[in-house]
N, C-alpha and C. Protein backbone atom coordinates (compact mmCIF):
# COMPACT_ATOMS: atom_id res chain seq x y z
N MET A 1 8.08 152.93 29.48
CA MET A 1 9.39 152.85 28.89
C MET A 1 10.43 153.49 29.83
N LEU A 2 10.08 154.60 30.47
CA LEU A 2 10.98 155.25 31.40
C LEU A 2 11.24 154.35 32.60
N GLN A 3 10.22 153.64 33.02
CA GLN A 3 10.36 152.74 34.16
C GLN A 3 11.32 151.60 33.83
N GLU A 4 11.27 151.08 32.60
CA GLU A 4 12.18 150.01 32.19
C GLU A 4 13.63 150.51 32.18
N GLY A 5 13.82 151.74 31.74
CA GLY A 5 15.16 152.33 31.73
C GLY A 5 15.71 152.47 33.14
N LEU A 6 14.86 152.92 34.06
CA LEU A 6 15.29 153.05 35.45
C LEU A 6 15.63 151.70 36.07
N VAL A 7 14.83 150.68 35.76
CA VAL A 7 15.10 149.34 36.28
C VAL A 7 16.44 148.83 35.76
N ILE A 8 16.69 149.01 34.47
CA ILE A 8 17.96 148.55 33.89
C ILE A 8 19.13 149.32 34.52
N THR A 9 18.96 150.62 34.74
CA THR A 9 20.01 151.43 35.36
C THR A 9 20.31 150.96 36.77
N VAL A 10 19.26 150.73 37.56
CA VAL A 10 19.45 150.30 38.94
C VAL A 10 20.08 148.91 38.98
N VAL A 11 19.65 148.01 38.12
CA VAL A 11 20.22 146.66 38.09
C VAL A 11 21.70 146.73 37.69
N GLY A 12 22.03 147.55 36.71
CA GLY A 12 23.43 147.68 36.27
C GLY A 12 24.30 148.27 37.36
N MET A 13 23.82 149.32 38.00
CA MET A 13 24.61 149.94 39.06
C MET A 13 24.75 149.01 40.26
N GLY A 14 23.71 148.26 40.56
CA GLY A 14 23.79 147.28 41.64
C GLY A 14 24.81 146.19 41.34
N THR A 15 24.82 145.75 40.07
CA THR A 15 25.77 144.72 39.67
C THR A 15 27.21 145.23 39.81
N VAL A 16 27.44 146.46 39.40
CA VAL A 16 28.78 147.03 39.51
C VAL A 16 29.16 147.19 40.99
N LEU A 17 28.24 147.62 41.82
CA LEU A 17 28.51 147.78 43.24
C LEU A 17 28.88 146.44 43.89
N VAL A 18 28.13 145.41 43.57
CA VAL A 18 28.42 144.08 44.13
C VAL A 18 29.79 143.60 43.65
N PHE A 19 30.08 143.76 42.36
CA PHE A 19 31.36 143.32 41.82
C PHE A 19 32.52 144.05 42.49
N LEU A 20 32.40 145.38 42.65
CA LEU A 20 33.47 146.14 43.26
C LEU A 20 33.65 145.78 44.73
N THR A 21 32.57 145.49 45.42
CA THR A 21 32.66 145.06 46.82
C THR A 21 33.39 143.74 46.93
N ILE A 22 33.04 142.79 46.06
CA ILE A 22 33.72 141.50 46.04
C ILE A 22 35.20 141.68 45.72
N LEU A 23 35.50 142.58 44.79
CA LEU A 23 36.88 142.85 44.40
C LEU A 23 37.69 143.41 45.57
N VAL A 24 37.11 144.31 46.34
CA VAL A 24 37.81 144.89 47.49
C VAL A 24 38.11 143.81 48.52
N PHE A 25 37.13 142.97 48.82
CA PHE A 25 37.35 141.90 49.79
C PHE A 25 38.38 140.89 49.28
N ALA A 26 38.33 140.56 48.01
CA ALA A 26 39.30 139.62 47.44
C ALA A 26 40.71 140.18 47.52
N MET A 27 40.88 141.46 47.23
CA MET A 27 42.21 142.06 47.29
C MET A 27 42.71 142.13 48.74
N SER A 28 41.83 142.39 49.67
CA SER A 28 42.21 142.42 51.07
C SER A 28 42.66 141.04 51.54
N ILE A 29 41.93 140.03 51.16
CA ILE A 29 42.30 138.66 51.54
C ILE A 29 43.63 138.27 50.89
N MET A 30 43.83 138.61 49.62
CA MET A 30 45.07 138.28 48.93
C MET A 30 46.25 139.00 49.57
N SER A 31 46.06 140.22 50.03
CA SER A 31 47.12 140.95 50.70
C SER A 31 47.55 140.23 51.97
N LYS A 32 46.58 139.75 52.73
CA LYS A 32 46.91 139.02 53.95
C LYS A 32 47.59 137.70 53.64
N VAL A 33 47.17 137.03 52.59
CA VAL A 33 47.78 135.76 52.20
C VAL A 33 49.23 135.97 51.77
N VAL A 34 49.47 136.99 50.98
CA VAL A 34 50.83 137.27 50.51
C VAL A 34 51.73 137.65 51.68
N ALA A 35 51.22 138.42 52.63
CA ALA A 35 52.01 138.78 53.80
C ALA A 35 52.35 137.54 54.62
N LEU A 36 51.42 136.63 54.75
CA LEU A 36 51.67 135.39 55.48
C LEU A 36 52.70 134.54 54.76
N ILE A 37 52.59 134.43 53.45
CA ILE A 37 53.55 133.64 52.68
C ILE A 37 54.94 134.26 52.77
N SER A 38 55.04 135.59 52.73
CA SER A 38 56.35 136.22 52.81
C SER A 38 56.98 136.05 54.19
N LYS A 39 56.18 135.89 55.23
CA LYS A 39 56.74 135.60 56.55
C LYS A 39 57.25 134.17 56.61
N ILE A 40 56.54 133.25 55.98
CA ILE A 40 56.93 131.84 56.01
C ILE A 40 58.15 131.60 55.12
N MET A 41 58.13 132.15 53.91
CA MET A 41 59.22 131.95 52.95
C MET A 41 59.77 133.30 52.50
N PRO A 42 60.64 133.93 53.29
CA PRO A 42 61.18 135.24 52.89
C PRO A 42 62.11 135.10 51.69
N GLU A 43 62.17 136.15 50.90
CA GLU A 43 63.07 136.15 49.75
C GLU A 43 64.49 136.39 50.21
N GLU A 44 65.43 135.77 49.51
CA GLU A 44 66.83 135.99 49.83
C GLU A 44 67.25 137.34 49.25
N VAL A 45 67.94 138.12 50.08
CA VAL A 45 68.39 139.44 49.65
C VAL A 45 69.90 139.38 49.43
N GLU A 46 70.31 139.73 48.23
CA GLU A 46 71.73 139.73 47.93
C GLU A 46 72.38 141.00 48.49
N ALA A 47 73.64 140.86 48.88
CA ALA A 47 74.37 142.03 49.38
C ALA A 47 74.61 142.99 48.23
N PRO A 48 74.44 144.28 48.48
CA PRO A 48 74.64 145.25 47.40
C PRO A 48 76.10 145.28 46.97
N VAL A 49 76.29 145.44 45.68
CA VAL A 49 77.63 145.51 45.12
C VAL A 49 78.17 146.92 45.30
N ALA A 50 79.38 147.02 45.80
CA ALA A 50 79.98 148.34 46.01
C ALA A 50 80.32 148.97 44.67
N VAL A 51 79.95 150.22 44.53
CA VAL A 51 80.23 150.95 43.29
C VAL A 51 81.52 151.72 43.48
N ARG A 52 82.43 151.52 42.55
CA ARG A 52 83.73 152.19 42.63
C ARG A 52 83.60 153.58 42.03
N LYS A 53 83.91 154.59 42.82
CA LYS A 53 83.84 155.96 42.34
C LYS A 53 85.22 156.39 41.87
N GLU A 54 85.22 157.28 40.90
CA GLU A 54 86.49 157.78 40.39
C GLU A 54 87.12 158.68 41.44
N ALA A 55 88.39 158.44 41.72
CA ALA A 55 89.07 159.16 42.79
C ALA A 55 89.24 160.64 42.47
N ASN A 56 89.64 160.95 41.24
CA ASN A 56 89.94 162.33 40.91
C ASN A 56 89.13 162.74 39.68
N THR A 57 88.10 163.53 39.88
CA THR A 57 87.28 163.96 38.76
C THR A 57 87.87 165.18 38.07
N ASP A 58 88.82 165.86 38.72
CA ASP A 58 89.44 167.03 38.11
C ASP A 58 90.20 166.65 36.84
N GLU A 59 90.85 165.50 36.87
CA GLU A 59 91.58 165.06 35.68
C GLU A 59 90.62 164.78 34.53
N ALA A 60 89.50 164.16 34.83
CA ALA A 60 88.52 163.86 33.79
C ALA A 60 87.95 165.15 33.20
N VAL A 61 87.72 166.14 34.02
CA VAL A 61 87.20 167.42 33.53
C VAL A 61 88.25 168.10 32.67
N ALA A 62 89.50 168.05 33.09
CA ALA A 62 90.57 168.66 32.31
C ALA A 62 90.71 167.99 30.94
N VAL A 63 90.60 166.68 30.90
CA VAL A 63 90.68 165.96 29.63
C VAL A 63 89.51 166.33 28.74
N ALA A 64 88.32 166.42 29.30
CA ALA A 64 87.14 166.78 28.51
C ALA A 64 87.27 168.18 27.94
N ILE A 65 87.80 169.10 28.73
CA ILE A 65 88.00 170.47 28.23
C ILE A 65 89.03 170.49 27.12
N ALA A 66 90.12 169.74 27.29
CA ALA A 66 91.16 169.71 26.27
C ALA A 66 90.63 169.13 24.96
N VAL A 67 89.86 168.08 25.05
CA VAL A 67 89.28 167.47 23.84
C VAL A 67 88.32 168.44 23.17
N ALA A 68 87.52 169.15 23.96
CA ALA A 68 86.58 170.11 23.38
C ALA A 68 87.31 171.24 22.68
N LYS A 69 88.40 171.72 23.28
CA LYS A 69 89.18 172.80 22.65
C LYS A 69 89.83 172.33 21.36
N MET A 70 90.32 171.09 21.35
CA MET A 70 90.95 170.56 20.13
C MET A 70 89.93 170.43 19.01
N ASN A 71 88.72 170.04 19.33
CA ASN A 71 87.68 169.85 18.31
C ASN A 71 87.13 171.18 17.80
N MET A 72 87.34 172.27 18.53
CA MET A 72 86.85 173.57 18.09
C MET A 72 87.69 174.12 16.95
N ASN A 73 88.94 173.76 16.85
CA ASN A 73 89.85 174.27 15.82
C ASN A 73 89.79 173.46 14.57
């Protein structure tokens, strides 16, 4: 009975090892294929949109302080 358990364990671990090895090779091949496809058909990159920053933040801070003081009373 112990021998049957060991055989099942070895067969299961061997199966997992083979599957993981195949998975590693498949992922490696897919990586190379995707890199080749991206060289042949590159994605179009849109120009970044300029973000407008507020020129004077002191005014915004002053307004926030004034509103906070008004709400305290």
